[in-house]
Amino acid sequence: MIFVGELSDIPVGESVRVQGTVPIAVFNVDGDLYAIDDTCTHQDASLSDGWLEDCAVECPLHAACFDLRTGMPSGPPAKTPVRTHQVVIADGVVHVVESVPASGAVTGVRPGVQAGT
């Protein structure tokens, strides 16, 4: 598991970037946490620097949008999804369980899972 920080370190509507085998962005959407690979699949831009709207993030470089729940792009210019990762919250501490890389496959995602639930 990758340590992200205290839950209070990620205000609603904000994101943080952590380092896994690749950079990972963790977003707080109305109290639910989602984690995706931080790099846009269209070009090398940091999605944690993008604009969050509902449960999607817009890449700051060319406006590609990705669904935080599935990693799927909503349309061009991005065509390839980003990986999603499980978020675990225990005693107010946030961790990410990094997904196993799979050639273009999107893994399941669950918003911030409370330990023991």
PDB file of N, CA and C in Angstrom:
ATOM      1  N   MET A   1       0.846  -1.186   0.000  1.00  0.00           N
ATOM      2  CA  MET A   1       0.000   0.000   0.000  1.00  0.00           C
ATOM      3  C   MET A   1       0.882   1.237   0.000  1.00  0.00           C
ATOM      4  N   ILE A   2       0.398   2.259  -0.657  1.00  0.00           N
ATOM      5  CA  ILE A   2       1.114   3.523  -0.758  1.00  0.00           C
ATOM      6  C   ILE A   2       0.472   4.527   0.191  1.00  0.00           C
ATOM      7  N   PHE A   3       1.269   5.082   1.067  1.00  0.00           N
ATOM      8  CA  PHE A   3       0.788   6.092   2.006  1.00  0.00           C
ATOM      9  C   PHE A   3       0.482   7.381   1.244  1.00  0.00           C
ATOM     10  N   VAL A   4      -0.722   7.924   1.468  1.00  0.00           N
ATOM     11  CA  VAL A   4      -1.125   9.176   0.835  1.00  0.00           C
ATOM     12  C   VAL A   4      -1.057  10.317   1.833  1.00  0.00           C
ATOM     13  N   GLY A   5      -1.613  10.105   3.028  1.00  0.00           N
ATOM     14  CA  GLY A   5      -1.626  11.136   4.058  1.00  0.00           C
ATOM     15  C   GLY A   5      -2.881  11.038   4.898  1.00  0.00           C
ATOM     16  N   GLU A   6      -3.098  12.067   5.674  1.00  0.00           N
ATOM     17  CA  GLU A   6      -4.312  12.149   6.484  1.00  0.00           C
ATOM     18  C   GLU A   6      -5.478  12.520   5.578  1.00  0.00           C
ATOM     19  N   LEU A   7      -6.651  12.015   5.902  1.00  0.00           N
ATOM     20  CA  LEU A   7      -7.851  12.347   5.130  1.00  0.00           C
ATOM     21  C   LEU A   7      -8.056  13.858   5.076  1.00  0.00           C
ATOM     22  N   SER A   8      -7.749  14.534   6.168  1.00  0.00           N
ATOM     23  CA  SER A   8      -7.908  15.998   6.231  1.00  0.00           C
ATOM     24  C   SER A   8      -6.937  16.735   5.307  1.00  0.00           C
ATOM     25  N   ASP A   9      -5.912  16.046   4.794  1.00  0.00           N
ATOM     26  CA  ASP A   9      -4.948  16.664   3.874  1.00  0.00           C
ATOM     27  C   ASP A   9      -5.488  16.785   2.448  1.00  0.00           C
ATOM     28  N   ILE A  10      -6.660  16.165   2.193  1.00  0.00           N
ATOM     29  CA  ILE A  10      -7.246  16.183   0.850  1.00  0.00           C
ATOM     30  C   ILE A  10      -8.643  16.787   0.945  1.00  0.00           C
ATOM     31  N   PRO A  11      -8.759  18.111   0.885  1.00  0.00           N
ATOM     32  CA  PRO A  11     -10.078  18.745   0.984  1.00  0.00           C
ATOM     33  C   PRO A  11     -10.986  18.353  -0.180  1.00  0.00           C
ATOM     34  N   VAL A  12     -12.275  18.446   0.034  1.00  0.00           N
ATOM     35  CA  VAL A  12     -13.260  18.182  -1.019  1.00  0.00           C
ATOM     36  C   VAL A  12     -12.935  19.061  -2.230  1.00  0.00           C
ATOM     37  N   GLY A  13     -12.945  18.443  -3.406  1.00  0.00           N
ATOM     38  CA  GLY A  13     -12.678  19.163  -4.650  1.00  0.00           C
ATOM     39  C   GLY A  13     -11.202  19.302  -4.971  1.00  0.00           C
ATOM     40  N   GLU A  14     -10.333  18.699  -4.162  1.00  0.00           N
ATOM     41  CA  GLU A  14      -8.887  18.815  -4.372  1.00  0.00           C
ATOM     42  C   GLU A  14      -8.282  17.449  -4.673  1.00  0.00           C
ATOM     43  N   SER A  15      -6.990  17.461  -5.008  1.00  0.00           N
ATOM     44  CA  SER A  15      -6.273  16.223  -5.287  1.00  0.00           C
ATOM     45  C   SER A  15      -4.858  16.315  -4.742  1.00  0.00           C
ATOM     46  N   VAL A  16      -4.243  15.150  -4.595  1.00  0.00           N
ATOM     47  CA  VAL A  16      -2.829  15.070  -4.243  1.00  0.00           C
ATOM     48  C   VAL A  16      -2.183  14.061  -5.179  1.00  0.00           C
ATOM     49  N   ARG A  17      -0.888  14.200  -5.336  1.00  0.00           N
ATOM     50  CA  ARG A  17      -0.114  13.287  -6.182  1.00  0.00           C
ATOM     51  C   ARG A  17       0.835  12.507  -5.290  1.00  0.00           C
ATOM     52  N   VAL A  18       0.860  11.191  -5.491  1.00  0.00           N
ATOM     53  CA  VAL A  18       1.778  10.331  -4.755  1.00  0.00           C
ATOM     54  C   VAL A  18       2.548   9.477  -5.753  1.00  0.00           C
ATOM     55  N   GLN A  19       3.630   8.900  -5.295  1.00  0.00           N
ATOM     56  CA  GLN A  19       4.457   8.092  -6.191  1.00  0.00           C
ATOM     57  C   GLN A  19       4.245   6.614  -5.922  1.00  0.00           C
ATOM     58  N   GLY A  20       3.797   5.898  -6.950  1.00  0.00           N
ATOM     59  CA  GLY A  20       3.747   4.441  -6.943  1.00  0.00           C
ATOM     60  C   GLY A  20       4.811   3.989  -7.924  1.00  0.00           C
ATOM     61  N   THR A  21       4.525   2.918  -8.688  1.00  0.00           N
ATOM     62  CA  THR A  21       5.454   2.578  -9.768  1.00  0.00           C
ATOM     63  C   THR A  21       5.403   3.662 -10.838  1.00  0.00           C
ATOM     64  N   VAL A  22       4.282   4.381 -10.871  1.00  0.00           N
ATOM     65  CA  VAL A  22       4.105   5.601 -11.669  1.00  0.00           C
ATOM     66  C   VAL A  22       3.404   6.610 -10.761  1.00  0.00           C
ATOM     67  N   PRO A  23       3.417   7.895 -11.113  1.00  0.00           N
ATOM     68  CA  PRO A  23       2.669   8.861 -10.289  1.00  0.00           C
ATOM     69  C   PRO A  23       1.173   8.531 -10.288  1.00  0.00           C
ATOM     70  N   ILE A  24       0.549   8.714  -9.114  1.00  0.00           N
ATOM     71  CA  ILE A  24      -0.873   8.445  -8.925  1.00  0.00           C
ATOM     72  C   ILE A  24      -1.526   9.692  -8.352  1.00  0.00           C
ATOM     73  N   ALA A  25      -2.705  10.048  -8.864  1.00  0.00           N
ATOM     74  CA  ALA A  25      -3.469  11.185  -8.358  1.00  0.00           C
ATOM     75  C   ALA A  25      -4.642  10.663  -7.528  1.00  0.00           C
ATOM     76  N   VAL A  26      -4.831  11.262  -6.359  1.00  0.00           N
ATOM     77  CA  VAL A  26      -5.943  10.899  -5.478  1.00  0.00           C
ATOM     78  C   VAL A  26      -6.848  12.125  -5.378  1.00  0.00           C
ATOM     79  N   PHE A  27      -8.129  11.950  -5.714  1.00  0.00           N
ATOM     80  CA  PHE A  27      -9.098  13.035  -5.755  1.00  0.00           C
ATOM     81  C   PHE A  27     -10.162  12.853  -4.681  1.00  0.00           C
ATOM     82  N   ASN A  28     -10.599  13.962  -4.082  1.00  0.00           N
ATOM     83  CA  ASN A  28     -11.708  13.947  -3.129  1.00  0.00           C
ATOM     84  C   ASN A  28     -12.926  14.536  -3.822  1.00  0.00           C
ATOM     85  N   VAL A  29     -13.901  13.685  -4.117  1.00  0.00           N
ATOM     86  CA  VAL A  29     -15.138  14.098  -4.781  1.00  0.00           C
ATOM     87  C   VAL A  29     -16.267  13.980  -3.756  1.00  0.00           C
ATOM     88  N   ASP A  30     -16.633  15.099  -3.181  1.00  0.00           N
ATOM     89  CA  ASP A  30     -17.718  15.133  -2.195  1.00  0.00           C
ATOM     90  C   ASP A  30     -17.537  14.105  -1.084  1.00  0.00           C
ATOM     91  N   GLY A  31     -16.296  13.907  -0.637  1.00  0.00           N
ATOM     92  CA  GLY A  31     -16.015  12.992   0.454  1.00  0.00           C
ATOM     93  C   GLY A  31     -15.641  11.582   0.028  1.00  0.00           C
ATOM     94  N   ASP A  32     -15.831  11.240  -1.252  1.00  0.00           N
ATOM     95  CA  ASP A  32     -15.394   9.946  -1.775  1.00  0.00           C
ATOM     96  C   ASP A  32     -14.032  10.142  -2.433  1.00  0.00           C
ATOM     97  N   LEU A  33     -13.088   9.248  -2.140  1.00  0.00           N
ATOM     98  CA  LEU A  33     -11.750   9.347  -2.714  1.00  0.00           C
ATOM     99  C   LEU A  33     -11.586   8.376  -3.869  1.00  0.00           C
ATOM    100  N   TYR A  34     -10.960   8.856  -4.938  1.00  0.00           N
ATOM    101  CA  TYR A  34     -10.692   8.062  -6.127  1.00  0.00           C
ATOM    102  C   TYR A  34      -9.223   8.225  -6.479  1.00  0.00           C
ATOM    103  N   ALA A  35      -8.609   7.160  -6.977  1.00  0.00           N
ATOM    104  CA  ALA A  35      -7.205   7.205  -7.376  1.00  0.00           C
ATOM    105  C   ALA A  35      -7.058   6.679  -8.800  1.00  0.00           C
ATOM    106  N   ILE A  36      -6.315   7.437  -9.606  1.00  0.00           N
ATOM    107  CA  ILE A  36      -6.029   7.054 -10.992  1.00  0.00           C
ATOM    108  C   ILE A  36      -4.563   7.357 -11.273  1.00  0.00           C
ATOM    109  N   ASP A  37      -4.034   6.748 -12.334  1.00  0.00           N
ATOM    110  CA  ASP A  37      -2.700   7.146 -12.776  1.00  0.00           C
ATOM    111  C   ASP A  37      -2.738   8.636 -13.077  1.00  0.00           C
ATOM    112  N   ASP A  38      -1.685   9.341 -12.689  1.00  0.00           N
ATOM    113  CA  ASP A  38      -1.679  10.792 -12.785  1.00  0.00           C
ATOM    114  C   ASP A  38      -1.363  11.315 -14.175  1.00  0.00           C
ATOM    115  N   THR A  39      -0.842  10.494 -15.049  1.00  0.00           N
ATOM    116  CA  THR A  39      -0.399  10.974 -16.356  1.00  0.00           C
ATOM    117  C   THR A  39      -1.458  10.731 -17.423  1.00  0.00           C
ATOM    118  N   CYS A  40      -1.845  11.797 -18.107  1.00  0.00           N
ATOM    119  CA  CYS A  40      -2.812  11.705 -19.200  1.00  0.00           C
ATOM    120  C   CYS A  40      -2.284  10.752 -20.267  1.00  0.00           C
ATOM    121  N   THR A  41      -3.152   9.914 -20.807  1.00  0.00           N
ATOM    122  CA  THR A  41      -2.735   8.956 -21.827  1.00  0.00           C
ATOM    123  C   THR A  41      -2.616   9.584 -23.215  1.00  0.00           C
ATOM    124  N   HIS A  42      -3.060  10.816 -23.363  1.00  0.00           N
ATOM    125  CA  HIS A  42      -2.914  11.505 -24.643  1.00  0.00           C
ATOM    126  C   HIS A  42      -1.528  12.105 -24.761  1.00  0.00           C
ATOM    127  N   GLN A  43      -1.110  12.851 -23.743  1.00  0.00           N
ATOM    128  CA  GLN A  43       0.241  13.393 -23.663  1.00  0.00           C
ATOM    129  C   GLN A  43       0.621  13.465 -22.200  1.00  0.00           C
ATOM    130  N   ASP A  44       1.886  13.685 -21.936  1.00  0.00           N
ATOM    131  CA  ASP A  44       2.399  13.617 -20.565  1.00  0.00           C
ATOM    132  C   ASP A  44       2.051  14.851 -19.745  1.00  0.00           C
ATOM    133  N   ALA A  45       0.819  14.937 -19.318  1.00  0.00           N
ATOM    134  CA  ALA A  45       0.374  16.027 -18.443  1.00  0.00           C
ATOM    135  C   ALA A  45      -0.124  15.424 -17.138  1.00  0.00           C
ATOM    136  N   SER A  46       0.056  16.156 -16.055  1.00  0.00           N
ATOM    137  CA  SER A  46      -0.364  15.692 -14.737  1.00  0.00           C
ATOM    138  C   SER A  46      -1.860  15.937 -14.542  1.00  0.00           C
ATOM    139  N   LEU A  47      -2.626  14.861 -14.366  1.00  0.00           N
ATOM    140  CA  LEU A  47      -4.068  15.003 -14.165  1.00  0.00           C
ATOM    141  C   LEU A  47      -4.398  15.629 -12.818  1.00  0.00           C
ATOM    142  N   SER A  48      -3.496  15.495 -11.832  1.00  0.00           N
ATOM    143  CA  SER A  48      -3.744  16.129 -10.535  1.00  0.00           C
ATOM    144  C   SER A  48      -3.718  17.651 -10.644  1.00  0.00           C
ATOM    145  N   ASP A  49      -3.173  18.168 -11.742  1.00  0.00           N
ATOM    146  CA  ASP A  49      -3.189  19.611 -12.014  1.00  0.00           C
ATOM    147  C   ASP A  49      -4.408  20.017 -12.831  1.00  0.00           C
ATOM    148  N   GLY A  50      -5.261  19.046 -13.161  1.00  0.00           N
ATOM    149  CA  GLY A  50      -6.429  19.306 -13.999  1.00  0.00           C
ATOM    150  C   GLY A  50      -7.595  19.863 -13.208  1.00  0.00           C
ATOM    151  N   TRP A  51      -8.735  19.953 -13.884  1.00  0.00           N
ATOM    152  CA  TRP A  51      -9.942  20.524 -13.297  1.00  0.00           C
ATOM    153  C   TRP A  51     -10.918  19.407 -12.973  1.00  0.00           C
ATOM    154  N   LEU A  52     -11.374  19.390 -11.741  1.00  0.00           N
ATOM    155  CA  LEU A  52     -12.293  18.371 -11.255  1.00  0.00           C
ATOM    156  C   LEU A  52     -13.722  18.878 -11.394  1.00  0.00           C
ATOM    157  N   GLU A  53     -14.561  18.058 -12.034  1.00  0.00           N
ATOM    158  CA  GLU A  53     -15.981  18.390 -12.143  1.00  0.00           C
ATOM    159  C   GLU A  53     -16.775  17.109 -11.989  1.00  0.00           C
ATOM    160  N   ASP A  54     -17.638  17.092 -10.986  1.00  0.00           N
ATOM    161  CA  ASP A  54     -18.378  15.879 -10.632  1.00  0.00           C
ATOM    162  C   ASP A  54     -17.365  14.763 -10.404  1.00  0.00           C
ATOM    163  N   CYS A  55     -17.469  13.675 -11.134  1.00  0.00           N
ATOM    164  CA  CYS A  55     -16.562  12.546 -10.934  1.00  0.00           C
ATOM    165  C   CYS A  55     -15.634  12.375 -12.142  1.00  0.00           C
ATOM    166  N   ALA A  56     -15.198  13.506 -12.694  1.00  0.00           N
ATOM    167  CA  ALA A  56     -14.302  13.489 -13.846  1.00  0.00           C
ATOM    168  C   ALA A  56     -13.224  14.553 -13.659  1.00  0.00           C
ATOM    169  N   VAL A  57     -12.084  14.294 -14.280  1.00  0.00           N
ATOM    170  CA  VAL A  57     -11.002  15.276 -14.268  1.00  0.00           C
ATOM    171  C   VAL A  57     -10.667  15.619 -15.714  1.00  0.00           C
ATOM    172  N   GLU A  58     -10.459  16.914 -15.937  1.00  0.00           N
ATOM    173  CA  GLU A  58     -10.083  17.397 -17.266  1.00  0.00           C
ATOM    174  C   GLU A  58      -8.589  17.672 -17.279  1.00  0.00           C
ATOM    175  N   CYS A  59      -7.900  17.083 -18.233  1.00  0.00           N
ATOM    176  CA  CYS A  59      -6.463  17.272 -18.376  1.00  0.00           C
ATOM    177  C   CYS A  59      -6.161  18.748 -18.651  1.00  0.00           C
ATOM    178  N   PRO A  60      -5.149  19.318 -17.984  1.00  0.00           N
ATOM    179  CA  PRO A  60      -4.838  20.730 -18.176  1.00  0.00           C
ATOM    180  C   PRO A  60      -4.179  21.041 -19.517  1.00  0.00           C
ATOM    181  N   LEU A  61      -3.737  20.025 -20.247  1.00  0.00           N
ATOM    182  CA  LEU A  61      -3.007  20.283 -21.482  1.00  0.00           C
ATOM    183  C   LEU A  61      -3.914  20.392 -22.704  1.00  0.00           C
ATOM    184  N   HIS A  62      -4.745  19.376 -22.953  1.00  0.00           N
ATOM    185  CA  HIS A  62      -5.586  19.380 -24.151  1.00  0.00           C
ATOM    186  C   HIS A  62      -7.049  19.070 -23.860  1.00  0.00           C
ATOM    187  N   ALA A  63      -7.461  19.182 -22.605  1.00  0.00           N
ATOM    188  CA  ALA A  63      -8.864  19.065 -22.197  1.00  0.00           C
ATOM    189  C   ALA A  63      -9.467  17.677 -22.340  1.00  0.00           C
ATOM    190  N   ALA A  64      -8.646  16.636 -22.389  1.00  0.00           N
ATOM    191  CA  ALA A  64      -9.198  15.275 -22.339  1.00  0.00           C
ATOM    192  C   ALA A  64      -9.791  15.070 -20.949  1.00  0.00           C
ATOM    193  N   CYS A  65     -10.941  14.412 -20.879  1.00  0.00           N
ATOM    194  CA  CYS A  65     -11.588  14.163 -19.584  1.00  0.00           C
ATOM    195  C   CYS A  65     -11.593  12.667 -19.286  1.00  0.00           C
ATOM    196  N   PHE A  66     -11.378  12.330 -18.002  1.00  0.00           N
ATOM    197  CA  PHE A  66     -11.358  10.946 -17.566  1.00  0.00           C
ATOM    198  C   PHE A  66     -12.324  10.760 -16.408  1.00  0.00           C
ATOM    199  N   ASP A  67     -13.102   9.680 -16.460  1.00  0.00           N
ATOM    200  CA  ASP A  67     -14.003   9.318 -15.376  1.00  0.00           C
ATOM    201  C   ASP A  67     -13.158   8.740 -14.246  1.00  0.00           C
ATOM    202  N   LEU A  68     -13.259   9.298 -13.052  1.00  0.00           N
ATOM    203  CA  LEU A  68     -12.447   8.850 -11.926  1.00  0.00           C
ATOM    204  C   LEU A  68     -12.850   7.462 -11.441  1.00  0.00           C
ATOM    205  N   ARG A  69     -14.072   7.038 -11.730  1.00  0.00           N
ATOM    206  CA  ARG A  69     -14.540   5.724 -11.286  1.00  0.00           C
ATOM    207  C   ARG A  69     -14.012   4.601 -12.161  1.00  0.00           C
ATOM    208  N   THR A  70     -13.863   4.865 -13.459  1.00  0.00           N
ATOM    209  CA  THR A  70     -13.500   3.811 -14.405  1.00  0.00           C
ATOM    210  C   THR A  70     -12.169   4.049 -15.104  1.00  0.00           C
ATOM    211  N   GLY A  71     -11.711   5.294 -15.121  1.00  0.00           N
ATOM    212  CA  GLY A  71     -10.494   5.637 -15.846  1.00  0.00           C
ATOM    213  C   GLY A  71     -10.724   5.887 -17.323  1.00  0.00           C
ATOM    214  N   MET A  72     -11.958   5.697 -17.782  1.00  0.00           N
ATOM    215  CA  MET A  72     -12.264   5.838 -19.210  1.00  0.00           C
ATOM    216  C   MET A  72     -12.290   7.300 -19.635  1.00  0.00           C
ATOM    217  N   PRO A  73     -11.714   7.601 -20.813  1.00  0.00           N
ATOM    218  CA  PRO A  73     -11.828   8.956 -21.344  1.00  0.00           C
ATOM    219  C   PRO A  73     -13.229   9.172 -21.899  1.00  0.00           C
ATOM    220  N   SER A  74     -13.705  10.411 -21.826  1.00  0.00           N
ATOM    221  CA  SER A  74     -15.049  10.696 -22.335  1.00  0.00           C
ATOM    222  C   SER A  74     -15.035  11.024 -23.814  1.00  0.00           C
ATOM    223  N   GLY A  75     -13.868  11.190 -24.384  1.00  0.00           N
ATOM    224  CA  GLY A  75     -13.767  11.489 -25.808  1.00  0.00           C
ATOM    225  C   GLY A  75     -12.385  12.012 -26.143  1.00  0.00           C
ATOM    226  N   PRO A  76     -12.174  12.362 -27.417  1.00  0.00           N
ATOM    227  CA  PRO A  76     -10.868  12.831 -27.853  1.00  0.00           C
ATOM    228  C   PRO A  76     -10.434  14.080 -27.078  1.00  0.00           C
ATOM    229  N   PRO A  77      -9.153  14.324 -27.007  1.00  0.00           N
ATOM    230  CA  PRO A  77      -8.109  13.629 -27.762  1.00  0.00           C
ATOM    231  C   PRO A  77      -7.642  12.322 -27.135  1.00  0.00           C
ATOM    232  N   ALA A  78      -7.955  12.044 -25.878  1.00  0.00           N
ATOM    233  CA  ALA A  78      -7.530  10.782 -25.254  1.00  0.00           C
ATOM    234  C   ALA A  78      -8.400   9.639 -25.747  1.00  0.00           C
ATOM    235  N   LYS A  79      -7.775   8.513 -26.013  1.00  0.00           N
ATOM    236  CA  LYS A  79      -8.497   7.318 -26.435  1.00  0.00           C
ATOM    237  C   LYS A  79      -8.254   6.152 -25.492  1.00  0.00           C
ATOM    238  N   THR A  80      -7.177   6.208 -24.743  1.00  0.00           N
ATOM    239  CA  THR A  80      -6.777   5.119 -23.852  1.00  0.00           C
ATOM    240  C   THR A  80      -7.129   5.477 -22.415  1.00  0.00           C
ATOM    241  N   PRO A  81      -7.730   4.556 -21.666  1.00  0.00           N
ATOM    242  CA  PRO A  81      -8.055   4.846 -20.264  1.00  0.00           C
ATOM    243  C   PRO A  81      -6.803   4.911 -19.390  1.00  0.00           C
ATOM    244  N   VAL A  82      -6.945   5.527 -18.230  1.00  0.00           N
ATOM    245  CA  VAL A  82      -5.908   5.490 -17.203  1.00  0.00           C
ATOM    246  C   VAL A  82      -6.281   4.381 -16.219  1.00  0.00           C
ATOM    247  N   ARG A  83      -5.277   3.826 -15.541  1.00  0.00           N
ATOM    248  CA  ARG A  83      -5.569   2.804 -14.526  1.00  0.00           C
ATOM    249  C   ARG A  83      -6.245   3.451 -13.330  1.00  0.00           C
ATOM    250  N   THR A  84      -7.102   2.702 -12.688  1.00  0.00           N
ATOM    251  CA  THR A  84      -7.722   3.116 -11.435  1.00  0.00           C
ATOM    252  C   THR A  84      -7.119   2.278 -10.317  1.00  0.00           C
ATOM    253  N   HIS A  85      -7.193   2.805  -9.089  1.00  0.00           N
ATOM    254  CA  HIS A  85      -6.599   2.132  -7.944  1.00  0.00           C
ATOM    255  C   HIS A  85      -7.555   2.187  -6.769  1.00  0.00           C
ATOM    256  N   GLN A  86      -7.470   1.199  -5.898  1.00  0.00           N
ATOM    257  CA  GLN A  86      -8.316   1.165  -4.711  1.00  0.00           C
ATOM    258  C   GLN A  86      -7.754   2.129  -3.665  1.00  0.00           C
ATOM    259  N   VAL A  87      -8.650   2.860  -3.008  1.00  0.00           N
ATOM    260  CA  VAL A  87      -8.295   3.753  -1.913  1.00  0.00           C
ATOM    261  C   VAL A  87      -8.795   3.123  -0.617  1.00  0.00           C
ATOM    262  N   VAL A  88      -7.926   3.079   0.383  1.00  0.00           N
ATOM    263  CA  VAL A  88      -8.278   2.522   1.690  1.00  0.00           C
ATOM    264  C   VAL A  88      -8.070   3.605   2.738  1.00  0.00           C
ATOM    265  N   ILE A  89      -9.090   3.804   3.579  1.00  0.00           N
ATOM    266  CA  ILE A  89      -9.008   4.788   4.660  1.00  0.00           C
ATOM    267  C   ILE A  89      -9.167   4.036   5.979  1.00  0.00           C
ATOM    268  N   ALA A  90      -8.183   4.164   6.855  1.00  0.00           N
ATOM    269  CA  ALA A  90      -8.236   3.519   8.170  1.00  0.00           C
ATOM    270  C   ALA A  90      -7.786   4.528   9.215  1.00  0.00           C
ATOM    271  N   ASP A  91      -8.641   4.785  10.185  1.00  0.00           N
ATOM    272  CA  ASP A  91      -8.324   5.728  11.265  1.00  0.00           C
ATOM    273  C   ASP A  91      -7.900   7.088  10.734  1.00  0.00           C
ATOM    274  N   GLY A  92      -8.555   7.542   9.669  1.00  0.00           N
ATOM    275  CA  GLY A  92      -8.276   8.854   9.108  1.00  0.00           C
ATOM    276  C   GLY A  92      -7.022   8.936   8.258  1.00  0.00           C
ATOM    277  N   VAL A  93      -6.377   7.789   8.008  1.00  0.00           N
ATOM    278  CA  VAL A  93      -5.172   7.743   7.183  1.00  0.00           C
ATOM    279  C   VAL A  93      -5.522   7.102   5.840  1.00  0.00           C
ATOM    280  N   VAL A  94      -5.063   7.723   4.761  1.00  0.00           N
ATOM    281  CA  VAL A  94      -5.389   7.286   3.398  1.00  0.00           C
ATOM    282  C   VAL A  94      -4.210   6.539   2.782  1.00  0.00           C
ATOM    283  N   HIS A  95      -4.508   5.394   2.188  1.00  0.00           N
ATOM    284  CA  HIS A  95      -3.534   4.615   1.422  1.00  0.00           C
ATOM    285  C   HIS A  95      -4.148   4.261   0.078  1.00  0.00           C
ATOM    286  N   VAL A  96      -3.290   3.997  -0.906  1.00  0.00           N
ATOM    287  CA  VAL A  96      -3.720   3.527  -2.218  1.00  0.00           C
ATOM    288  C   VAL A  96      -3.137   2.141  -2.435  1.00  0.00           C
ATOM    289  N   VAL A  97      -3.966   1.235  -2.921  1.00  0.00           N
ATOM    290  CA  VAL A  97      -3.511  -0.084  -3.342  1.00  0.00           C
ATOM    291  C   VAL A  97      -3.368  -0.007  -4.856  1.00  0.00           C
ATOM    292  N   GLU A  98      -2.132  -0.014  -5.312  1.00  0.00           N
ATOM    293  CA  GLU A  98      -1.877   0.159  -6.739  1.00  0.00           C
ATOM    294  C   GLU A  98      -2.324  -1.070  -7.521  1.00  0.00           C
ATOM    295  N   SER A  99      -3.025  -0.830  -8.631  1.00  0.00           N
ATOM    296  CA  SER A  99      -3.486  -1.905  -9.501  1.00  0.00           C
ATOM    297  C   SER A  99      -2.306  -2.525 -10.227  1.00  0.00           C
ATOM    298  N   VAL A 100      -2.476  -3.779 -10.562  1.00  0.00           N
ATOM    299  CA  VAL A 100      -1.459  -4.465 -11.345  1.00  0.00           C
ATOM    300  C   VAL A 100      -1.565  -3.963 -12.777  1.00  0.00           C
ATOM    301  N   PRO A 101      -0.431  -3.569 -13.381  1.00  0.00           N
ATOM    302  CA  PRO A 101      -0.508  -3.119 -14.777  1.00  0.00           C
ATOM    303  C   PRO A 101      -1.068  -4.221 -15.667  1.00  0.00           C
ATOM    304  N   ALA A 102      -1.978  -3.837 -16.536  1.00  0.00           N
ATOM    305  CA  ALA A 102      -2.554  -4.774 -17.489  1.00  0.00           C
ATOM    306  C   ALA A 102      -2.670  -4.049 -18.807  1.00  0.00           C
ATOM    307  N   SER A 103      -2.153  -4.611 -19.836  1.00  0.00           N
ATOM    308  CA  SER A 103      -2.067  -3.959 -21.136  1.00  0.00           C
ATOM    309  C   SER A 103      -3.374  -3.304 -21.554  1.00  0.00           C
ATOM    310  N   GLY A 104      -3.577  -2.081 -21.095  1.00  0.00           N
ATOM    311  CA  GLY A 104      -4.739  -1.303 -21.485  1.00  0.00           C
ATOM    312  C   GLY A 104      -6.017  -1.651 -20.758  1.00  0.00           C
ATOM    313  N   ALA A 105      -6.024  -2.684 -19.918  1.00  0.00           N
ATOM    314  CA  ALA A 105      -7.252  -3.065 -19.213  1.00  0.00           C
ATOM    315  C   ALA A 105      -7.485  -2.136 -18.036  1.00  0.00           C
ATOM    316  N   VAL A 106      -8.731  -1.825 -17.787  1.00  0.00           N
ATOM    317  CA  VAL A 106      -9.095  -0.984 -16.662  1.00  0.00           C
ATOM    318  C   VAL A 106      -9.538  -1.878 -15.531  1.00  0.00           C
ATOM    319  N   THR A 107      -8.983  -1.638 -14.343  1.00  0.00           N
ATOM    320  CA  THR A 107      -9.374  -2.435 -13.196  1.00  0.00           C
ATOM    321  C   THR A 107     -10.576  -1.817 -12.528  1.00  0.00           C
ATOM    322  N   GLY A 108     -11.241  -2.577 -11.689  1.00  0.00           N
ATOM    323  CA  GLY A 108     -12.372  -2.049 -10.940  1.00  0.00           C
ATOM    324  C   GLY A 108     -11.903  -1.009  -9.932  1.00  0.00           C
ATOM    325  N   VAL A 109     -12.765  -0.102  -9.583  1.00  0.00           N
ATOM    326  CA  VAL A 109     -12.424   0.933  -8.616  1.00  0.00           C
ATOM    327  C   VAL A 109     -13.545   1.048  -7.608  1.00  0.00           C
ATOM    328  N   ARG A 110     -13.170   1.305  -6.413  1.00  0.00           N
ATOM    329  CA  ARG A 110     -14.151   1.568  -5.366  1.00  0.00           C
ATOM    330  C   ARG A 110     -13.730   2.861  -4.697  1.00  0.00           C
ATOM    331  N   PRO A 111     -14.664   3.788  -4.475  1.00  0.00           N
ATOM    332  CA  PRO A 111     -14.277   4.995  -3.779  1.00  0.00           C
ATOM    333  C   PRO A 111     -13.805   4.642  -2.377  1.00  0.00           C
ATOM    334  N   GLY A 112     -13.062   5.541  -1.758  1.00  0.00           N
ATOM    335  CA  GLY A 112     -12.472   5.373  -0.438  1.00  0.00           C
ATOM    336  C   GLY A 112     -13.136   4.334   0.431  1.00  0.00           C
ATOM    337  N   VAL A 113     -12.521   3.205   0.577  1.00  0.00           N
ATOM    338  CA  VAL A 113     -13.057   2.103   1.352  1.00  0.00           C
ATOM    339  C   VAL A 113     -12.583   2.243   2.785  1.00  0.00           C
ATOM    340  N   GLN A 114     -13.508   2.261   3.714  1.00  0.00           N
ATOM    341  CA  GLN A 114     -13.154   2.301   5.121  1.00  0.00           C
ATOM    342  C   GLN A 114     -12.696   0.910   5.538  1.00  0.00           C
ATOM    343  N   ALA A 115     -11.575   0.830   6.229  1.00  0.00           N
ATOM    344  CA  ALA A 115     -11.082  -0.463   6.685  1.00  0.00           C
ATOM    345  C   ALA A 115     -12.124  -1.143   7.553  1.00  0.00           C
ATOM    346  N   GLY A 116     -12.300  -2.418   7.347  1.00  0.00           N
ATOM    347  CA  GLY A 116     -13.252  -3.191   8.134  1.00  0.00           C
ATOM    348  C   GLY A 116     -14.668  -3.180   7.593  1.00  0.00           C
ATOM    349  N   THR A 117     -14.876  -2.555   6.399  1.00  0.00           N
ATOM    350  CA  THR A 117     -16.225  -2.543   5.826  1.00  0.00           C
ATOM    351  C   THR A 117     -16.286  -3.451   4.632  1.00  0.00           C
TER     352      THR A 117
END
